Amino acid sequence: MAEDSIIVIGGGIAGLTATALLAKQGLPVTLVEAHHQPGGCAGTFRRGPYIFDVGATQVAGLEPSGSHERIYRHLNLPMPQAELLNPACAVDLADGCQPIQLWHDPKRWEQEWRYHFPGSDSFWALTAKLHQSNWGFASHDPVVTPRNAWDLGQLLQALRPATITSGLLSSLTVADLLKLCGCAQDQRLRKFLDLQIKLYSQEPLDRTAALYGATVLQMAQAPLGLWHLQGSMQKLSDDLMHALKRDGGQVLLRHRVVGLEVAARGMAWTVSIKTPNGKALELTTPDVVCSLPPQCLRSLMPQGAGMPKAYRQRLMKLPQPSGALVFYGAIDRSALPKNCPVHLQRASKTPGSLFVSISREGDGRAPAGQATVIASVFTATAEWCGLTESTYQERKQTALLAIRQTLESWLDLASEDWQHQELATPRSFAHWTGRPNGIVGGLGQHPSQFGPFGLASRTPMRGLWLCGDSIHPGEGTAGVSTSALMTCRQLMAQRGHQLRVAN
């Protein structure tokens, strides 16, 4: 490989974005992906006439100056066709009251929360101010979790008085904000916040960083928004693949990275790869961008491969992210309730709180007159990965039935209405995505893991960089794209060049 080559590991949205940005800079960059198609947890799969989004089903960051919009503009890509979700979601607390509609118009959303959560004005005012501070800070492309002078300089340049003020709350949780605002006893509000925040933070409100939660609660409202892609979530991956190949980037699909080792006295990396025919391939490069979960580094770099002991110990202590059970179904559209939202969320003890995504007529996911229905619920990975095959299949069938019956009760469906049904478990995600134990998200956004206290994109090993859902600002396609941009800016600065993406 060329002396200035770069290898990117993992073809999810973070890895694709990093590869496309580096290729745009004219660098020789190669993306290595174990699966036969890119996309990772934001990819798709087909079952007969149906196309199912694997994990992510909605997109943020398509608005002007949003993370995806900026990157698309920088890469000279036309924006994907997408429908702005309004409401973004209908949240049913299963308490006999009307679902809470997440309206795009801030005034209409204010009317909604005033109706459902009277007396919570101070809480929503505070979270709005924190979000505005966060967004102003993020718009200046800071390097969060700085590890050298250049990183620190980028962080300091992004600071504003409002950022410094809000930073005083960096050790607080969303539950602490409720206490400060006198809303801690509003159980209905707490239940709503728990449902919404855990979708993004993997933590309940009493363990989610206040600054992170404040922005999560504003994602559906203008000037931001949540979007439903035409075709499928694969559109993002396809566009980024087009850009990186157009600009000279290389892609190795069905090639699995099985080892990383420091070479040439710490000035290069040896990347060991298993090819589709089972043969071994070794590539040497000065820079590796790893978009896999950081937990993977421990197996990719065994003792003696060049990882400092203290860093290995930190990786060992990382909290275990959640897994998910995901029901993929198809149904005649006529069986669904009239004016059924694209996204619904419902509180439930068994099988757990469900997040449901229903395809639109003509959006490319199902034949005319039919719809795909995707319902997901968090689960502990340990409950699935150590089972015997017979126990696993039995438990999987029980979980599928529980989710399906919950959907039938909620949406007034009959069991014979289903045209297709299957369930993915953490074991399924481990097999198809390669993520350890089938984890589906990044590190939980606890105050001890959020922002400057989180895992840095610049590792202590020269030339090894991280991006993805465990790096600031966290999970979601918009979040991992932002982490990829931050990492590429650091890498380019290390080489004495600038990477600027206009707002």
Protein backbone atom coordinates (compact mmCIF):
# COMPACT_ATOMS: atom_id res chain seq x y z
CA MET A 1 0.00 0.00 0.00
CA ALA A 2 1.03 3.63 -0.45
CA GLU A 3 3.05 5.22 2.37
CA ASP A 4 0.22 7.65 3.15
CA SER A 5 -2.54 5.03 2.92
CA ILE A 6 -5.37 4.72 5.44
CA ILE A 7 -7.45 1.68 6.34
CA VAL A 8 -10.97 2.12 7.72
CA ILE A 9 -12.42 -0.88 9.55
CA GLY A 10 -16.19 -1.36 9.47
CA GLY A 11 -18.66 -0.32 6.78
CA GLY A 12 -21.44 1.12 8.92
CA ILE A 13 -22.41 4.78 8.50
CA ALA A 14 -19.43 5.95 10.58
CA GLY A 15 -16.90 3.96 8.57
CA LEU A 16 -18.49 4.91 5.25
CA THR A 17 -18.51 8.59 6.20
CA ALA A 18 -14.87 8.51 7.30
CA THR A 19 -13.81 6.76 4.10
CA ALA A 20 -15.75 9.16 1.89
CA LEU A 21 -14.33 12.23 3.67
CA LEU A 22 -10.74 10.96 3.40
CA ALA A 23 -11.17 9.97 -0.24
CA LYS A 24 -12.53 13.45 -0.93
CA GLN A 25 -9.22 14.77 0.46
CA GLY A 26 -7.39 12.77 -2.19
CA LEU A 27 -5.92 10.22 0.21
CA PRO A 28 -5.52 6.52 -0.67
CA VAL A 29 -8.07 4.96 1.67
CA THR A 30 -9.46 1.42 1.85
CA LEU A 31 -12.64 0.38 3.65
CA VAL A 32 -12.67 -3.19 4.99
CA GLU A 33 -16.12 -4.65 5.75
CA ALA A 34 -16.89 -8.22 6.82
CA HIS A 35 -20.45 -8.31 5.46
CA HIS A 36 -21.44 -8.60 1.79
CA GLN A 37 -23.03 -5.14 1.89
CA PRO A 38 -22.31 -1.90 3.77
CA GLY A 39 -24.61 -0.23 6.28
CA GLY A 40 -24.15 -2.21 9.48
CA CYS A 41 -27.00 -1.56 11.92
CA ALA A 42 -28.34 1.07 9.49
CA GLY A 43 -28.50 -1.40 6.62
CA THR A 44 -31.37 -3.44 5.21
CA PHE A 45 -32.30 -6.98 4.25
CA ARG A 46 -34.91 -8.43 1.92
CA ARG A 47 -37.52 -11.11 2.52
CA GLY A 48 -39.39 -11.80 -0.70
CA PRO A 49 -41.16 -8.56 -1.69
CA TYR A 50 -40.35 -6.84 1.63
CA ILE A 51 -37.36 -4.66 2.55
CA PHE A 52 -36.63 -4.31 6.25
CA ASP A 53 -34.39 -1.74 7.92
CA VAL A 54 -32.06 -3.74 10.16
CA GLY A 55 -31.93 -1.39 13.14
CA ALA A 56 -32.13 2.36 12.52
CA THR A 57 -35.48 3.35 11.01
CA GLN A 58 -35.40 7.15 11.15
CA VAL A 59 -32.78 9.78 10.40
CA ALA A 60 -31.80 13.07 12.01
CA GLY A 61 -29.45 15.64 10.52
CA LEU A 62 -31.02 16.17 7.07
CA GLU A 63 -32.07 19.74 7.84
CA PRO A 64 -29.89 22.66 6.62
CA SER A 65 -26.54 22.55 8.48
CA GLY A 66 -27.48 19.17 9.98
CA SER A 67 -24.70 16.61 10.17
CA HIS A 68 -25.83 14.57 7.16
CA GLU A 69 -26.69 17.66 5.12
CA ARG A 70 -23.25 19.16 5.71
CA ILE A 71 -21.48 15.96 4.72
CA TYR A 72 -23.66 15.42 1.64
CA ARG A 73 -22.98 18.99 0.55
CA HIS A 74 -19.23 18.58 1.15
CA LEU A 75 -19.20 15.36 -0.88
CA ASN A 76 -21.25 16.94 -3.71
CA LEU A 77 -24.08 14.46 -3.26
CA PRO A 78 -27.75 15.23 -3.90
CA MET A 79 -29.78 14.98 -0.72
CA PRO A 80 -31.76 11.75 -0.35
CA GLN A 81 -35.52 11.87 -0.74
CA ALA A 82 -37.05 11.89 2.72
CA GLU A 83 -40.30 12.77 4.46
CA LEU A 84 -40.15 15.02 7.49
CA LEU A 85 -41.95 13.18 10.30
CA ASN A 86 -44.75 15.21 11.85
CA PRO A 87 -45.45 13.89 14.35
CA ALA A 88 -42.11 12.16 14.69
CA CYS A 89 -43.62 9.62 17.05
CA ALA A 90 -46.78 8.88 19.03
CA VAL A 91 -45.86 7.84 22.58
CA ASP A 92 -48.48 5.80 24.42
CA LEU A 93 -47.85 5.55 28.16
CA ALA A 94 -50.47 2.77 28.42
CA ASP A 95 -52.33 4.67 31.12
CA GLY A 96 -55.62 5.20 29.32
CA CYS A 97 -54.73 8.71 28.14
CA GLN A 98 -54.21 9.84 24.56
CA PRO A 99 -50.71 9.21 23.12
CA ILE A 100 -48.25 12.09 23.25
CA GLN A 101 -47.53 13.42 19.75
CA LEU A 102 -44.00 14.68 19.06
CA TRP A 103 -44.86 17.58 16.76
CA HIS A 104 -42.27 19.27 14.56
CA ASP A 105 -43.64 22.77 15.15
CA PRO A 106 -42.26 23.97 18.52
CA LYS A 107 -45.46 25.90 19.30
CA ARG A 108 -47.62 22.88 18.68
CA TRP A 109 -45.23 20.70 20.72
CA GLU A 110 -45.48 23.23 23.55
CA GLN A 111 -49.26 22.90 23.50
CA GLU A 112 -48.84 19.12 23.62
CA TRP A 113 -46.54 18.99 26.65
CA ARG A 114 -48.55 21.64 28.47
CA TYR A 115 -51.65 19.47 28.05
CA HIS A 116 -50.01 16.20 29.08
CA PHE A 117 -47.60 17.53 31.71
CA PRO A 118 -49.09 20.63 33.37
CA GLY A 119 -46.71 22.47 35.65
CA SER A 120 -43.58 21.33 33.79
CA ASP A 121 -42.88 24.67 32.06
CA SER A 122 -39.61 25.28 33.91
CA PHE A 123 -38.25 21.85 32.93
CA TRP A 124 -38.92 22.33 29.22
CA ALA A 125 -37.56 25.89 29.32
CA LEU A 126 -34.34 24.67 30.93
CA THR A 127 -33.84 21.77 28.53
CA ALA A 128 -34.46 24.12 25.57
CA LYS A 129 -31.74 26.49 26.80
CA LEU A 130 -29.32 23.61 27.35
CA HIS A 131 -30.04 22.29 23.88
CA GLN A 132 -29.42 25.70 22.29
CA SER A 133 -26.10 25.88 24.09
CA ASN A 134 -25.20 22.35 23.00
CA TRP A 135 -26.12 23.03 19.39
CA GLY A 136 -24.16 26.26 19.26
CA PHE A 137 -21.13 24.43 20.65
CA ALA A 138 -21.46 21.53 18.19
CA SER A 139 -21.77 23.88 15.20
CA HIS A 140 -18.12 24.88 15.67
CA ASP A 141 -16.87 21.29 15.27
CA PRO A 142 -15.14 20.87 18.63
CA VAL A 143 -12.94 17.90 19.39
CA VAL A 144 -14.62 16.49 22.45
CA THR A 145 -12.46 14.41 24.79
CA PRO A 146 -9.21 16.15 23.74
CA ARG A 147 -5.95 14.25 23.99
CA ASN A 148 -3.36 16.72 22.70
CA ALA A 149 -2.83 20.46 22.21
CA TRP A 150 -4.51 20.57 18.80
CA ASP A 151 -7.58 18.78 20.15
CA LEU A 152 -7.74 21.15 23.10
CA GLY A 153 -7.45 24.16 20.80
CA GLN A 154 -10.42 22.97 18.74
CA LEU A 155 -12.43 22.48 21.91
CA LEU A 156 -11.60 25.92 23.30
CA GLN A 157 -12.41 27.65 20.00
CA ALA A 158 -15.90 26.19 20.14
CA LEU A 159 -16.64 27.36 23.66
CA ARG A 160 -19.03 30.23 24.22
CA PRO A 161 -20.27 31.79 27.49
CA ALA A 162 -23.47 29.72 27.27
CA THR A 163 -21.43 26.55 26.82
CA ILE A 164 -19.36 27.29 29.89
CA THR A 165 -22.50 27.99 31.90
CA SER A 166 -24.23 24.79 30.81
CA GLY A 167 -21.03 22.89 31.46
CA LEU A 168 -21.62 23.47 35.16
CA LEU A 169 -24.41 20.90 34.84
CA SER A 170 -22.22 18.25 33.18
CA SER A 171 -22.29 15.98 36.23
CA LEU A 172 -26.09 16.04 36.51
CA THR A 173 -28.66 13.64 35.11
CA VAL A 174 -32.03 14.37 33.52
CA ALA A 175 -33.62 13.28 36.80
CA ASP A 176 -31.57 15.99 38.54
CA LEU A 177 -33.02 18.58 36.15
CA LEU A 178 -36.51 17.44 37.14
CA LYS A 179 -35.61 18.02 40.80
CA LEU A 180 -34.17 21.46 40.07
CA CYS A 181 -37.40 22.41 38.30
CA GLY A 182 -39.72 20.97 40.93
CA CYS A 183 -41.07 18.26 38.60
CA ALA A 184 -39.56 15.18 40.19
CA GLN A 185 -42.92 13.94 41.49
CA ASP A 186 -44.63 14.00 38.09
CA GLN A 187 -44.66 10.24 37.46
CA ARG A 188 -46.28 10.56 34.05
CA LEU A 189 -43.57 12.95 32.87
CA ARG A 190 -40.87 10.66 34.28
CA LYS A 191 -42.36 7.70 32.41
CA PHE A 192 -42.42 9.64 29.15
CA LEU A 193 -38.84 10.82 29.57
CA ASP A 194 -37.65 7.31 30.39
CA LEU A 195 -39.17 5.95 27.19
CA GLN A 196 -37.82 8.65 24.92
CA ILE A 197 -34.37 9.10 26.40
CA LYS A 198 -33.48 5.43 26.59
CA LEU A 199 -33.97 5.12 22.82
CA TYR A 200 -30.85 7.26 22.37
CA SER A 201 -28.87 7.03 25.61
CA GLN A 202 -29.44 3.36 26.52
CA GLU A 203 -29.92 4.67 30.04
CA PRO A 204 -33.01 5.73 32.03
CA LEU A 205 -33.48 9.37 32.97
CA ASP A 206 -31.76 8.99 36.35
CA ARG A 207 -28.60 7.73 34.60
CA THR A 208 -28.60 9.90 31.45
CA ALA A 209 -26.41 13.00 31.33
CA ALA A 210 -28.53 16.13 31.55
CA LEU A 211 -26.78 17.83 28.62
CA TYR A 212 -27.27 14.80 26.37
CA GLY A 213 -30.90 14.32 27.38
CA ALA A 214 -31.70 17.98 26.76
CA THR A 215 -30.77 17.64 23.09
CA VAL A 216 -32.49 14.27 22.66
CA LEU A 217 -35.75 15.87 23.79
CA GLN A 218 -35.48 18.54 21.07
CA MET A 219 -34.55 16.30 18.12
CA ALA A 220 -38.05 16.16 16.60
CA GLN A 221 -38.68 19.92 16.72
CA ALA A 222 -37.74 22.65 14.22
CA PRO A 223 -35.18 23.74 13.22
CA LEU A 224 -34.11 20.10 13.62
CA GLY A 225 -36.31 17.16 12.74
CA LEU A 226 -36.57 13.42 12.21
CA TRP A 227 -36.98 11.97 8.73
CA HIS A 228 -38.27 8.86 6.97
CA LEU A 229 -36.09 7.91 3.99
CA GLN A 230 -37.62 6.99 0.66
CA GLY A 231 -36.56 3.49 -0.38
CA SER A 232 -34.89 2.34 2.82
CA MET A 233 -32.13 3.23 5.26
CA GLN A 234 -29.72 1.65 2.76
CA LYS A 235 -29.92 4.89 0.77
CA LEU A 236 -27.41 6.56 3.11
CA SER A 237 -24.91 3.73 2.66
CA ASP A 238 -25.37 3.62 -1.11
CA ASP A 239 -24.78 7.37 -1.42
CA LEU A 240 -21.63 7.28 0.69
CA MET A 241 -20.35 4.25 -1.24
CA HIS A 242 -20.88 6.15 -4.49
CA ALA A 243 -18.97 9.16 -3.18
CA LEU A 244 -15.98 7.25 -1.83
CA LYS A 245 -15.60 5.15 -4.99
CA ARG A 246 -16.00 8.23 -7.21
CA ASP A 247 -13.16 9.91 -5.32
CA GLY A 248 -10.80 6.94 -5.52
CA GLY A 249 -11.55 5.07 -2.29
CA GLN A 250 -11.30 1.28 -2.31
CA VAL A 251 -13.75 -1.16 -0.70
CA LEU A 252 -13.10 -4.74 0.39
CA LEU A 253 -16.45 -6.39 1.15
CA ARG A 254 -16.62 -9.82 2.78
CA HIS A 255 -13.15 -9.18 4.20
CA ARG A 256 -12.95 -9.52 7.97
CA VAL A 257 -10.23 -7.80 9.99
CA VAL A 258 -8.94 -10.40 12.47
CA GLY A 259 -5.90 -8.65 13.93
CA LEU A 260 -4.15 -5.33 14.50
CA GLU A 261 -0.53 -4.99 15.51
CA VAL A 262 1.87 -2.11 15.89
CA ALA A 263 4.64 -2.38 13.30
CA ALA A 264 7.74 -0.48 12.20
CA ARG A 265 8.64 0.74 15.70
CA GLY A 266 5.26 2.25 16.32
CA MET A 267 5.12 4.20 13.05
CA ALA A 268 2.77 1.84 11.19
CA TRP A 269 0.13 -0.83 11.62
CA THR A 270 -0.16 -4.35 10.32
CA VAL A 271 -3.79 -5.19 9.61
CA SER A 272 -4.54 -8.92 9.33
CA ILE A 273 -7.54 -9.75 7.17
CA LYS A 274 -9.44 -12.94 6.37
CA THR A 275 -10.53 -12.92 2.71
CA PRO A 276 -13.77 -14.43 1.33
CA ASN A 277 -11.94 -17.62 0.30
CA GLY A 278 -10.45 -18.02 3.78
CA LYS A 279 -6.95 -16.89 2.87
CA ALA A 280 -4.92 -14.49 4.99
CA LEU A 281 -4.09 -10.99 3.83
CA GLU A 282 -1.83 -8.49 5.59
CA LEU A 283 -1.80 -4.77 4.86
CA THR A 284 0.53 -2.17 6.35
CA THR A 285 -0.60 1.39 6.89
CA PRO A 286 0.36 4.38 9.06
CA ASP A 287 -3.25 5.11 10.02
CA VAL A 288 -6.19 2.91 10.95
CA VAL A 289 -9.68 4.29 11.59
CA CYS A 290 -11.74 1.74 13.52
CA SER A 291 -15.51 2.25 13.48
CA LEU A 292 -16.22 -1.04 15.27
CA PRO A 293 -17.35 -1.02 18.91
CA PRO A 294 -14.20 -0.33 20.97
CA GLN A 295 -14.76 -3.59 22.83
CA CYS A 296 -13.55 -5.31 19.62
CA LEU A 297 -10.04 -3.91 20.07
CA ARG A 298 -9.27 -6.34 22.89
CA SER A 299 -9.71 -9.35 20.61
CA LEU A 300 -8.12 -7.66 17.59
CA MET A 301 -5.06 -6.70 19.64
CA PRO A 302 -4.09 -9.54 22.00
CA GLN A 303 -1.38 -9.12 24.60
CA GLY A 304 1.85 -7.98 22.97
CA ALA A 305 0.21 -6.37 19.93
CA GLY A 306 1.09 -2.88 21.13
CA MET A 307 -1.84 -1.79 23.31
CA PRO A 308 -0.83 -0.04 26.55
CA LYS A 309 -1.88 -1.92 29.65
CA ALA A 310 -3.82 1.02 31.10
CA TYR A 311 -5.84 1.38 27.88
CA ARG A 312 -6.62 -2.33 27.80
CA GLN A 313 -7.86 -2.12 31.36
CA ARG A 314 -10.09 0.82 30.46
CA LEU A 315 -11.62 -1.12 27.59
CA MET A 316 -12.24 -4.04 29.95
CA LYS A 317 -14.14 -1.73 32.30
CA LEU A 318 -16.44 -0.28 29.66
CA PRO A 319 -20.10 -0.82 30.57
CA GLN A 320 -21.97 -3.44 28.56
CA PRO A 321 -24.37 -1.84 26.06
CA SER A 322 -27.83 -3.29 25.53
CA GLY A 323 -28.95 -5.74 22.95
CA ALA A 324 -32.32 -5.77 21.21
CA LEU A 325 -35.11 -8.04 20.16
CA VAL A 326 -36.45 -6.87 16.81
CA PHE A 327 -39.67 -8.17 15.28
CA TYR A 328 -39.89 -7.87 11.49
CA GLY A 329 -43.41 -8.29 10.15
CA ALA A 330 -45.51 -7.51 7.09
CA ILE A 331 -49.23 -6.92 6.93
CA ASP A 332 -52.02 -5.68 4.66
CA ARG A 333 -52.24 -1.94 5.14
CA SER A 334 -56.04 -2.14 5.39
CA ALA A 335 -55.65 -3.98 8.72
CA LEU A 336 -53.85 -1.04 10.33
CA PRO A 337 -55.65 1.77 12.18
CA LYS A 338 -56.51 4.80 10.07
CA ASN A 339 -53.90 7.59 10.11
CA CYS A 340 -51.42 5.27 11.81
CA PRO A 341 -48.16 7.17 12.51
CA VAL A 342 -44.87 6.01 11.00
CA HIS A 343 -43.35 5.64 14.46
CA LEU A 344 -45.02 4.63 17.72
CA GLN A 345 -43.74 3.89 21.18
CA ARG A 346 -45.65 2.16 23.94
CA ALA A 347 -44.90 1.44 27.56
CA SER A 348 -45.16 -2.23 28.46
CA LYS A 349 -43.81 -4.49 31.18
CA THR A 350 -43.95 -7.60 28.98
CA PRO A 351 -42.14 -7.88 26.60
CA GLY A 352 -40.93 -4.37 27.42
CA SER A 353 -41.44 -0.90 25.96
CA LEU A 354 -41.76 -1.25 22.19
CA PHE A 355 -40.61 1.19 19.51
CA VAL A 356 -42.53 0.51 16.31
CA SER A 357 -41.85 1.67 12.75
CA ILE A 358 -44.44 1.22 9.99
CA SER A 359 -43.64 1.77 6.34
CA ARG A 360 -45.44 4.39 4.26
CA GLU A 361 -47.42 3.54 1.15
CA GLY A 362 -45.06 3.83 -1.82
CA ASP A 363 -41.85 4.22 0.22
CA GLY A 364 -40.25 1.16 -1.40
CA ARG A 365 -40.38 -1.19 1.58
CA ALA A 366 -43.51 -3.20 0.72
CA PRO A 367 -45.80 -3.84 -2.28
CA ALA A 368 -48.78 -1.57 -2.83
CA GLY A 369 -51.44 -2.07 -0.19
CA GLN A 370 -49.04 -3.67 2.28
CA ALA A 371 -46.74 -2.41 5.04
CA THR A 372 -43.70 -3.57 6.94
CA VAL A 373 -43.90 -3.41 10.73
CA ILE A 374 -40.70 -3.33 12.79
CA ALA A 375 -40.92 -3.46 16.59
CA SER A 376 -37.90 -3.40 18.87
CA VAL A 377 -37.31 -3.74 22.59
CA PHE A 378 -34.10 -3.59 24.62
CA THR A 379 -32.78 -6.78 26.18
CA ALA A 380 -29.67 -7.83 28.07
CA THR A 381 -27.26 -9.63 25.73
CA ALA A 382 -26.22 -12.08 28.47
CA GLU A 383 -29.72 -13.53 28.45
CA TRP A 384 -29.26 -14.77 24.87
CA CYS A 385 -25.66 -15.46 23.97
CA GLY A 386 -24.98 -18.37 26.33
CA LEU A 387 -28.06 -20.50 25.64
CA THR A 388 -28.07 -23.97 24.16
CA GLU A 389 -29.58 -24.12 20.68
CA SER A 390 -32.83 -25.78 21.80
CA THR A 391 -33.33 -23.35 24.70
CA TYR A 392 -32.45 -20.44 22.43
CA GLN A 393 -35.02 -21.40 19.78
CA GLU A 394 -37.70 -21.93 22.42
CA ARG A 395 -37.05 -18.58 24.05
CA LYS A 396 -36.88 -16.87 20.67
CA GLN A 397 -40.29 -18.21 19.70
CA THR A 398 -41.74 -17.13 23.04
CA ALA A 399 -40.37 -13.60 22.57
CA LEU A 400 -41.68 -13.38 19.01
CA LEU A 401 -45.15 -14.39 20.18
CA ALA A 402 -45.10 -11.87 23.05
CA ILE A 403 -44.14 -8.99 20.76
CA ARG A 404 -46.61 -10.01 18.07
CA GLN A 405 -49.49 -10.33 20.52
CA THR A 406 -48.65 -6.95 22.03
CA LEU A 407 -48.79 -5.41 18.56
CA GLU A 408 -52.09 -7.16 17.84
CA SER A 409 -53.62 -5.85 21.04
CA TRP A 410 -52.25 -2.35 20.53
CA LEU A 411 -53.13 -2.00 16.83
CA ASP A 412 -56.28 -4.17 16.89
CA LEU A 413 -54.84 -6.81 14.57
CA ALA A 414 -55.61 -10.50 14.16
CA SER A 415 -52.94 -13.20 14.10
CA GLU A 416 -53.95 -14.19 10.57
CA ASP A 417 -53.28 -10.64 9.31
CA TRP A 418 -49.53 -11.22 9.24
CA GLN A 419 -47.99 -11.90 5.83
CA HIS A 420 -44.51 -12.31 7.29
CA GLN A 421 -42.99 -12.49 10.77
CA GLU A 422 -39.53 -13.19 12.20
CA LEU A 423 -37.41 -12.13 15.15
CA ALA A 424 -33.80 -11.04 15.50
CA THR A 425 -32.04 -11.46 18.85
CA PRO A 426 -28.63 -10.39 20.15
CA ARG A 427 -27.33 -13.68 18.76
CA SER A 428 -28.66 -12.69 15.33
CA PHE A 429 -26.99 -9.27 15.51
CA ALA A 430 -23.71 -10.85 16.65
CA HIS A 431 -23.78 -13.13 13.60
CA TRP A 432 -24.73 -10.54 10.98
CA THR A 433 -22.97 -7.41 12.28
CA GLY A 434 -20.03 -8.89 14.19
CA ARG A 435 -20.74 -6.63 17.14
CA PRO A 436 -19.69 -8.27 20.45
CA ASN A 437 -22.60 -10.24 21.93
CA GLY A 438 -24.89 -8.51 19.45
CA ILE A 439 -24.88 -5.09 21.14
CA VAL A 440 -26.94 -2.58 19.17
CA GLY A 441 -25.79 0.76 20.52
CA GLY A 442 -22.83 2.59 21.92
CA LEU A 443 -21.84 3.33 25.48
CA GLY A 444 -24.66 4.51 27.71
CA GLN A 445 -24.72 8.29 28.06
CA HIS A 446 -24.16 8.37 31.81
CA PRO A 447 -22.48 11.58 33.04
CA SER A 448 -19.28 9.60 33.64
CA GLN A 449 -19.22 8.54 29.95
CA PHE A 450 -20.58 11.66 28.27
CA GLY A 451 -18.62 14.27 26.34
CA PRO A 452 -15.18 15.07 27.78
CA PHE A 453 -15.48 12.11 30.16
CA GLY A 454 -16.06 9.60 27.38
CA LEU A 455 -13.80 7.49 25.21
CA ALA A 456 -11.59 9.60 22.94
CA SER A 457 -11.40 9.25 19.17
CA ARG A 458 -7.62 9.68 19.42
CA THR A 459 -6.25 6.55 21.09
CA PRO A 460 -2.94 6.43 22.98
CA MET A 461 -1.54 4.38 20.08
CA ARG A 462 -0.19 6.56 17.30
CA GLY A 463 -2.16 6.17 14.09
CA LEU A 464 -5.14 4.34 15.62
CA TRP A 465 -8.36 6.34 15.58
CA LEU A 466 -11.90 5.54 16.70
CA CYS A 467 -15.30 6.67 15.47
CA GLY A 468 -18.81 5.32 15.76
CA ASP A 469 -21.57 5.08 18.33
CA SER A 470 -19.24 4.81 21.35
CA ILE A 471 -17.51 8.11 20.49
CA HIS A 472 -19.01 11.56 21.07
CA PRO A 473 -21.78 12.49 20.35
CA GLY A 474 -23.13 8.92 20.49
CA GLU A 475 -25.44 6.69 18.51
CA GLY A 476 -27.75 7.34 15.60
CA THR A 477 -26.66 7.93 12.02
CA ALA A 478 -26.28 11.67 12.62
CA GLY A 479 -24.20 11.05 15.74
CA VAL A 480 -21.81 8.55 14.17
CA SER A 481 -21.38 10.80 11.12
CA THR A 482 -20.35 13.63 13.44
CA SER A 483 -17.84 11.35 15.18
CA ALA A 484 -16.40 10.34 11.80
CA LEU A 485 -15.95 13.98 10.81
CA MET A 486 -14.21 14.76 14.11
CA THR A 487 -11.86 11.80 13.69
CA CYS A 488 -10.99 12.69 10.10
CA ARG A 489 -10.23 16.29 11.09
CA GLN A 490 -7.85 15.01 13.76
CA LEU A 491 -6.16 12.60 11.37
CA MET A 492 -5.71 15.28 8.71
CA ALA A 493 -4.30 17.72 11.28
CA GLN A 494 -1.84 15.04 12.40
CA ARG A 495 -0.65 14.95 8.78
CA GLY A 496 -0.38 18.72 8.62
CA HIS A 497 -3.54 19.41 6.63
CA GLN A 498 -6.98 20.84 7.31
CA LEU A 499 -10.37 19.29 6.71
CA ARG A 500 -13.17 21.81 6.74
CA VAL A 501 -16.81 21.04 6.17
CA ALA A 502 -18.90 24.21 5.83
CA ASN A 503 -21.93 24.76 8.03
